PDB file of N, CA and C in Angstrom:
ATOM      1  N   MET A   1     105.610 136.479 128.312  1.00  0.00           N
ATOM      2  CA  MET A   1     105.024 137.869 128.771  1.00  0.00           C
ATOM      3  C   MET A   1     104.817 137.254 130.289  1.00  0.00           C
ATOM      4  N   SER A   2     104.526 138.533 131.053  1.00  0.00           N
ATOM      5  CA  SER A   2     104.479 138.382 132.433  1.00  0.00           C
ATOM      6  C   SER A   2     104.053 139.959 132.951  1.00  0.00           C
ATOM      7  N   TYR A   3     103.242 139.775 133.792  1.00  0.00           N
ATOM      8  CA  TYR A   3     102.453 140.807 134.218  1.00  0.00           C
ATOM      9  C   TYR A   3     102.325 140.718 135.929  1.00  0.00           C
ATOM     10  N   ILE A   4     102.324 142.143 136.520  1.00  0.00           N
ATOM     11  CA  ILE A   4     102.133 141.908 137.856  1.00  0.00           C
ATOM     12  C   ILE A   4     100.632 142.038 138.288  1.00  0.00           C
ATOM     13  N   LYS A   5      99.659 141.288 138.586  1.00  0.00           N
ATOM     14  CA  LYS A   5      98.090 141.763 138.540  1.00  0.00           C
ATOM     15  C   LYS A   5      98.042 143.098 139.736  1.00  0.00           C
ATOM     16  N   PRO A   6      97.453 143.930 138.492  1.00  0.00           N
ATOM     17  CA  PRO A   6      96.857 145.169 139.320  1.00  0.00           C
ATOM     18  C   PRO A   6      96.037 145.341 140.869  1.00  0.00           C
ATOM     19  N   LYS A   7      96.082 145.707 141.555  1.00  0.00           N
ATOM     20  CA  LYS A   7      95.467 145.980 142.651  1.00  0.00           C
ATOM     21  C   LYS A   7      93.817 146.369 142.376  1.00  0.00           C
ATOM     22  N   SER A   8      94.117 147.231 141.568  1.00  0.00           N
ATOM     23  CA  SER A   8      92.367 147.956 140.825  1.00  0.00           C
ATOM     24  C   SER A   8      92.453 148.644 139.304  1.00  0.00           C
ATOM     25  N   GLY A   9      91.546 148.824 139.138  1.00  0.00           N
ATOM     26  CA  GLY A   9      91.731 149.632 137.891  1.00  0.00           C
ATOM     27  C   GLY A   9      91.178 148.337 136.707  1.00  0.00           C
ATOM     28  N   THR A  10      91.381 148.949 135.249  1.00  0.00           N
ATOM     29  CA  THR A  10      91.017 148.001 134.111  1.00  0.00           C
ATOM     30  C   THR A  10      92.334 148.057 133.220  1.00  0.00           C
ATOM     31  N   THR A  11      93.310 148.054 133.414  1.00  0.00           N
ATOM     32  CA  THR A  11      94.368 147.951 132.602  1.00  0.00           C
ATOM     33  C   THR A  11      95.783 147.097 133.645  1.00  0.00           C
ATOM     34  N   ALA A  12      96.329 146.683 132.479  1.00  0.00           N
ATOM     35  CA  ALA A  12      97.604 146.025 133.270  1.00  0.00           C
ATOM     36  C   ALA A  12      98.922 146.179 132.341  1.00  0.00           C
ATOM     37  N   LEU A  13     100.031 146.740 132.704  1.00  0.00           N
ATOM     38  CA  LEU A  13     101.475 146.584 131.893  1.00  0.00           C
ATOM     39  C   LEU A  13     101.723 145.303 131.921  1.00  0.00           C
ATOM     40  N   LEU A  14     102.164 144.663 130.444  1.00  0.00           N
ATOM     41  CA  LEU A  14     102.798 143.385 130.499  1.00  0.00           C
ATOM     42  C   LEU A  14     104.229 143.149 129.776  1.00  0.00           C
ATOM     43  N   LYS A  15     105.076 142.602 130.164  1.00  0.00           N
ATOM     44  CA  LYS A  15     106.174 142.342 130.454  1.00  0.00           C
ATOM     45  C   LYS A  15     106.338 141.682 128.915  1.00  0.00           C
ATOM     46  N   TYR A  16     106.958 142.036 127.639  1.00  0.00           N
ATOM     47  CA  TYR A  16     107.299 140.812 126.718  1.00  0.00           C
ATOM     48  C   TYR A  16     108.699 140.725 126.635  1.00  0.00           C
ATOM     49  N   ASP A  17     109.099 139.747 126.062  1.00  0.00           N
ATOM     50  CA  ASP A  17     110.564 139.474 125.726  1.00  0.00           C
ATOM     51  C   ASP A  17     110.653 138.825 124.056  1.00  0.00           C
ATOM     52  N   LEU A  18     110.872 140.245 123.356  1.00  0.00           N
ATOM     53  CA  LEU A  18     111.096 139.652 121.781  1.00  0.00           C
ATOM     54  C   LEU A  18     111.886 141.002 121.445  1.00  0.00           C
ATOM     55  N   PRO A  19     112.729 140.685 120.392  1.00  0.00           N
ATOM     56  CA  PRO A  19     113.856 141.727 119.894  1.00  0.00           C
ATOM     57  C   PRO A  19     113.099 143.186 119.344  1.00  0.00           C
ATOM     58  N   ILE A  20     111.789 143.545 119.413  1.00  0.00           N
ATOM     59  CA  ILE A  20     110.946 144.859 118.693  1.00  0.00           C
ATOM     60  C   ILE A  20     110.547 145.506 119.861  1.00  0.00           C
ATOM     61  N   SER A  21     110.853 146.815 119.217  1.00  0.00           N
ATOM     62  CA  SER A  21     109.964 148.018 120.321  1.00  0.00           C
ATOM     63  C   SER A  21     108.668 147.487 120.399  1.00  0.00           C
ATOM     64  N   SER A  22     108.144 148.245 121.367  1.00  0.00           N
ATOM     65  CA  SER A  22     106.651 148.357 122.023  1.00  0.00           C
ATOM     66  C   SER A  22     105.761 148.598 120.745  1.00  0.00           C
ATOM     67  N   VAL A  23     106.264 150.124 120.050  1.00  0.00           N
ATOM     68  CA  VAL A  23     105.345 150.204 118.802  1.00  0.00           C
ATOM     69  C   VAL A  23     105.332 149.586 117.764  1.00  0.00           C
ATOM     70  N   GLU A  24     106.346 148.608 117.417  1.00  0.00           N
ATOM     71  CA  GLU A  24     106.361 147.591 116.517  1.00  0.00           C
ATOM     72  C   GLU A  24     105.409 146.436 117.048  1.00  0.00           C
ATOM     73  N   PHE A  25     105.761 146.105 118.413  1.00  0.00           N
ATOM     74  CA  PHE A  25     104.787 145.026 118.528  1.00  0.00           C
ATOM     75  C   PHE A  25     103.480 145.452 118.490  1.00  0.00           C
ATOM     76  N   CYS A  26     103.040 146.452 118.796  1.00  0.00           N
ATOM     77  CA  CYS A  26     101.656 146.671 118.916  1.00  0.00           C
ATOM     78  C   CYS A  26     100.873 146.894 117.514  1.00  0.00           C
ATOM     79  N   THR A  27     101.966 147.385 116.682  1.00  0.00           N
ATOM     80  CA  THR A  27     101.544 147.813 115.112  1.00  0.00           C
ATOM     81  C   THR A  27     101.559 146.387 114.792  1.00  0.00           C
ATOM     82  N   THR A  28     102.336 145.477 114.508  1.00  0.00           N
ATOM     83  CA  THR A  28     102.364 144.115 113.939  1.00  0.00           C
ATOM     84  C   THR A  28     101.115 143.379 114.611  1.00  0.00           C
ATOM     85  N   LEU A  29     101.169 143.431 115.823  1.00  0.00           N
ATOM     86  CA  LEU A  29      99.597 142.488 116.696  1.00  0.00           C
ATOM     87  C   LEU A  29      98.367 142.830 115.928  1.00  0.00           C
ATOM     88  N   ILE A  30      98.086 144.383 115.960  1.00  0.00           N
ATOM     89  CA  ILE A  30      96.919 144.762 115.578  1.00  0.00           C
ATOM     90  C   ILE A  30      96.733 144.880 113.865  1.00  0.00           C
ATOM     91  N   GLU A  31      97.618 144.716 113.288  1.00  0.00           N
ATOM     92  CA  GLU A  31      97.620 144.476 111.778  1.00  0.00           C
ATOM     93  C   GLU A  31      97.617 142.975 111.471  1.00  0.00           C
ATOM     94  N   GLN A  32      98.166 141.801 112.513  1.00  0.00           N
ATOM     95  CA  GLN A  32      97.451 140.664 112.193  1.00  0.00           C
ATOM     96  C   GLN A  32      96.708 139.963 112.716  1.00  0.00           C
ATOM     97  N   THR A  33      96.215 140.334 114.046  1.00  0.00           N
ATOM     98  CA  THR A  33      95.232 140.051 114.803  1.00  0.00           C
ATOM     99  C   THR A  33      94.119 140.764 115.393  1.00  0.00           C
ATOM    100  N   GLY A  34      94.183 141.915 115.226  1.00  0.00           N
ATOM    101  CA  GLY A  34      92.611 143.135 115.323  1.00  0.00           C
ATOM    102  C   GLY A  34      92.919 143.248 116.634  1.00  0.00           C
ATOM    103  N   VAL A  35      93.943 142.931 117.694  1.00  0.00           N
ATOM    104  CA  VAL A  35      93.843 142.964 119.031  1.00  0.00           C
ATOM    105  C   VAL A  35      94.778 144.517 119.201  1.00  0.00           C
ATOM    106  N   MET A  36      94.261 145.304 119.813  1.00  0.00           N
ATOM    107  CA  MET A  36      95.296 146.549 120.244  1.00  0.00           C
ATOM    108  C   MET A  36      95.615 146.535 121.847  1.00  0.00           C
ATOM    109  N   PHE A  37      97.085 146.911 121.327  1.00  0.00           N
ATOM    110  CA  PHE A  37      97.611 147.436 123.080  1.00  0.00           C
ATOM    111  C   PHE A  37      98.136 148.692 122.734  1.00  0.00           C
ATOM    112  N   THR A  38      98.467 149.521 123.899  1.00  0.00           N
ATOM    113  CA  THR A  38      99.084 150.362 124.086  1.00  0.00           C
ATOM    114  C   THR A  38     100.265 149.975 123.836  1.00  0.00           C
ATOM    115  N   PRO A  39     101.304 150.766 123.163  1.00  0.00           N
ATOM    116  CA  PRO A  39     102.844 150.647 123.267  1.00  0.00           C
ATOM    117  C   PRO A  39     103.258 151.259 124.931  1.00  0.00           C
ATOM    118  N   GLY A  40     104.795 150.317 125.137  1.00  0.00           N
ATOM    119  CA  GLY A  40     104.758 150.961 126.766  1.00  0.00           C
ATOM    120  C   GLY A  40     105.881 151.876 126.348  1.00  0.00           C
ATOM    121  N   SER A  41     106.185 152.470 125.052  1.00  0.00           N
ATOM    122  CA  SER A  41     107.109 153.931 124.965  1.00  0.00           C
ATOM    123  C   SER A  41     106.408 155.203 125.302  1.00  0.00           C
ATOM    124  N   ALA A  42     104.714 154.766 125.196  1.00  0.00           N
ATOM    125  CA  ALA A  42     103.848 155.789 125.353  1.00  0.00           C
ATOM    126  C   ALA A  42     104.090 156.540 126.407  1.00  0.00           C
ATOM    127  N   LEU A  43     104.212 155.457 127.391  1.00  0.00           N
ATOM    128  CA  LEU A  43     104.577 155.672 129.052  1.00  0.00           C
ATOM    129  C   LEU A  43     105.884 155.674 129.631  1.00  0.00           C
ATOM    130  N   ASP A  44     107.218 155.729 128.393  1.00  0.00           N
ATOM    131  CA  ASP A  44     108.140 155.759 128.921  1.00  0.00           C
ATOM    132  C   ASP A  44     108.471 154.280 129.670  1.00  0.00           C
ATOM    133  N   MET A  45     107.992 153.500 128.983  1.00  0.00           N
ATOM    134  CA  MET A  45     108.054 151.834 129.521  1.00  0.00           C
ATOM    135  C   MET A  45     108.377 150.988 128.721  1.00  0.00           C
ATOM    136  N   GLU A  46     109.450 151.272 127.767  1.00  0.00           N
ATOM    137  CA  GLU A  46     109.827 150.590 126.540  1.00  0.00           C
ATOM    138  C   GLU A  46     109.853 148.869 127.406  1.00  0.00           C
ATOM    139  N   GLY A  47     109.502 147.526 126.159  1.00  0.00           N
ATOM    140  CA  GLY A  47     109.735 146.556 126.457  1.00  0.00           C
ATOM    141  C   GLY A  47     108.194 145.905 127.392  1.00  0.00           C
ATOM    142  N   TYR A  48     107.223 147.015 127.214  1.00  0.00           N
ATOM    143  CA  TYR A  48     105.991 146.535 128.093  1.00  0.00           C
ATOM    144  C   TYR A  48     104.825 147.223 126.792  1.00  0.00           C
ATOM    145  N   VAL A  49     103.951 146.570 127.157  1.00  0.00           N
ATOM    146  CA  VAL A  49     102.180 146.797 126.486  1.00  0.00           C
ATOM    147  C   VAL A  49     101.785 147.079 127.812  1.00  0.00           C
ATOM    148  N   ARG A  50     100.353 147.829 127.207  1.00  0.00           N
ATOM    149  CA  ARG A  50      99.230 148.138 128.042  1.00  0.00           C
ATOM    150  C   ARG A  50      97.895 147.738 127.423  1.00  0.00           C
ATOM    151  N   VAL A  51      97.398 146.850 128.029  1.00  0.00           N
ATOM    152  CA  VAL A  51      96.457 146.260 128.353  1.00  0.00           C
ATOM    153  C   VAL A  51      94.803 146.454 128.981  1.00  0.00           C
ATOM    154  N   GLY A  52      94.234 146.822 128.207  1.00  0.00           N
ATOM    155  CA  GLY A  52      92.786 146.840 129.241  1.00  0.00           C
ATOM    156  C   GLY A  52      91.981 145.841 129.019  1.00  0.00           C
ATOM    157  N   TYR A  53      91.168 145.642 130.221  1.00  0.00           N
ATOM    158  CA  TYR A  53      90.489 144.410 130.187  1.00  0.00           C
ATOM    159  C   TYR A  53      89.004 144.603 130.902  1.00  0.00           C
ATOM    160  N   ALA A  54      88.281 146.196 130.021  1.00  0.00           N
ATOM    161  CA  ALA A  54      87.067 146.392 130.920  1.00  0.00           C
ATOM    162  C   ALA A  54      86.032 145.715 129.996  1.00  0.00           C
ATOM    163  N   ASN A  55      86.487 145.242 128.996  1.00  0.00           N
ATOM    164  CA  ASN A  55      85.312 144.247 128.080  1.00  0.00           C
ATOM    165  C   ASN A  55      84.519 143.167 128.471  1.00  0.00           C
ATOM    166  N   ASN A  56      83.737 142.794 127.690  1.00  0.00           N
ATOM    167  CA  ASN A  56      83.275 141.524 128.034  1.00  0.00           C
ATOM    168  C   ASN A  56      83.770 140.183 128.455  1.00  0.00           C
ATOM    169  N   GLN A  57      83.864 139.125 129.012  1.00  0.00           N
ATOM    170  CA  GLN A  57      84.374 138.310 128.908  1.00  0.00           C
ATOM    171  C   GLN A  57      84.815 137.404 127.670  1.00  0.00           C
ATOM    172  N   GLN A  58      83.564 137.321 126.897  1.00  0.00           N
ATOM    173  CA  GLN A  58      83.769 136.709 125.592  1.00  0.00           C
ATOM    174  C   GLN A  58      85.005 137.632 124.736  1.00  0.00           C
ATOM    175  N   VAL A  59      84.734 138.809 124.553  1.00  0.00           N
ATOM    176  CA  VAL A  59      85.733 139.361 123.601  1.00  0.00           C
ATOM    177  C   VAL A  59      87.156 139.347 124.532  1.00  0.00           C
ATOM    178  N   LEU A  60      87.303 139.489 125.342  1.00  0.00           N
ATOM    179  CA  LEU A  60      88.637 139.294 126.160  1.00  0.00           C
ATOM    180  C   LEU A  60      89.249 137.832 125.864  1.00  0.00           C
ATOM    181  N   GLU A  61      88.463 136.963 125.992  1.00  0.00           N
ATOM    182  CA  GLU A  61      88.903 135.524 125.682  1.00  0.00           C
ATOM    183  C   GLU A  61      89.522 135.269 124.507  1.00  0.00           C
ATOM    184  N   THR A  62      88.341 135.898 123.279  1.00  0.00           N
ATOM    185  CA  THR A  62      89.094 135.604 121.877  1.00  0.00           C
ATOM    186  C   THR A  62      90.130 136.538 121.494  1.00  0.00           C
ATOM    187  N   GLY A  63      90.256 138.003 122.389  1.00  0.00           N
ATOM    188  CA  GLY A  63      91.565 138.683 121.883  1.00  0.00           C
ATOM    189  C   GLY A  63      92.718 138.004 122.789  1.00  0.00           C
ATOM    190  N   LEU A  64      92.796 137.606 123.991  1.00  0.00           N
ATOM    191  CA  LEU A  64      93.606 137.039 124.529  1.00  0.00           C
ATOM    192  C   LEU A  64      94.661 135.640 123.699  1.00  0.00           C
ATOM    193  N   ALA A  65      93.099 135.043 123.115  1.00  0.00           N
ATOM    194  CA  ALA A  65      93.603 134.015 122.268  1.00  0.00           C
ATOM    195  C   ALA A  65      94.477 133.984 121.067  1.00  0.00           C
ATOM    196  N   ARG A  66      94.145 135.151 120.362  1.00  0.00           N
ATOM    197  CA  ARG A  66      94.693 135.911 119.654  1.00  0.00           C
ATOM    198  C   ARG A  66      95.987 136.371 119.450  1.00  0.00           C
ATOM    199  N   VAL A  67      96.096 136.796 120.773  1.00  0.00           N
ATOM    200  CA  VAL A  67      97.696 137.145 121.042  1.00  0.00           C
ATOM    201  C   VAL A  67      98.430 135.775 121.552  1.00  0.00           C
ATOM    202  N   SER A  68      97.945 134.907 121.893  1.00  0.00           N
ATOM    203  CA  SER A  68      98.654 133.796 122.336  1.00  0.00           C
ATOM    204  C   SER A  68      99.093 133.260 120.967  1.00  0.00           C
ATOM    205  N   GLY A  69      98.197 133.208 119.961  1.00  0.00           N
ATOM    206  CA  GLY A  69      98.604 132.426 118.372  1.00  0.00           C
ATOM    207  C   GLY A  69      99.686 133.505 117.957  1.00  0.00           C
ATOM    208  N   PHE A  70      99.476 134.730 117.794  1.00  0.00           N
ATOM    209  CA  PHE A  70     100.421 135.814 117.991  1.00  0.00           C
ATOM    210  C   PHE A  70     101.890 135.377 118.248  1.00  0.00           C
ATOM    211  N   LEU A  71     101.902 135.049 119.961  1.00  0.00           N
ATOM    212  CA  LEU A  71     103.242 134.711 120.219  1.00  0.00           C
ATOM    213  C   LEU A  71     103.549 134.022 120.018  1.00  0.00           C
ATOM    214  N   ALA A  72     102.978 132.865 119.603  1.00  0.00           N
ATOM    215  CA  ALA A  72     103.590 131.361 119.269  1.00  0.00           C
ATOM    216  C   ALA A  72     104.202 131.556 117.824  1.00  0.00           C
ATOM    217  N   HIS A  73     103.912 132.346 117.117  1.00  0.00           N
ATOM    218  CA  HIS A  73     104.334 132.546 115.814  1.00  0.00           C
ATOM    219  C   HIS A  73     105.454 133.499 115.721  1.00  0.00           C
ATOM    220  N   SER A  74     105.945 134.085 116.733  1.00  0.00           N
ATOM    221  CA  SER A  74     106.714 135.170 116.502  1.00  0.00           C
ATOM    222  C   SER A  74     108.010 134.794 117.185  1.00  0.00           C
TER     223      SER A  74
END
């Protein structure tokens, strides 16, 4: 995954490099990890996912660790 750090706000767009749609990525992610991202296709940006990071630090760290594990097995 890659991203450009936003200048402000509490969301970021992440580019992923897997041969699946953003809807499939997000659906599988939440089913397997409980982590929810918004599919880029909802924003006309297929190949990306939107992540919010306005939660507390522990929740974010736990969620990102789960995403890392998910990507390691994808």
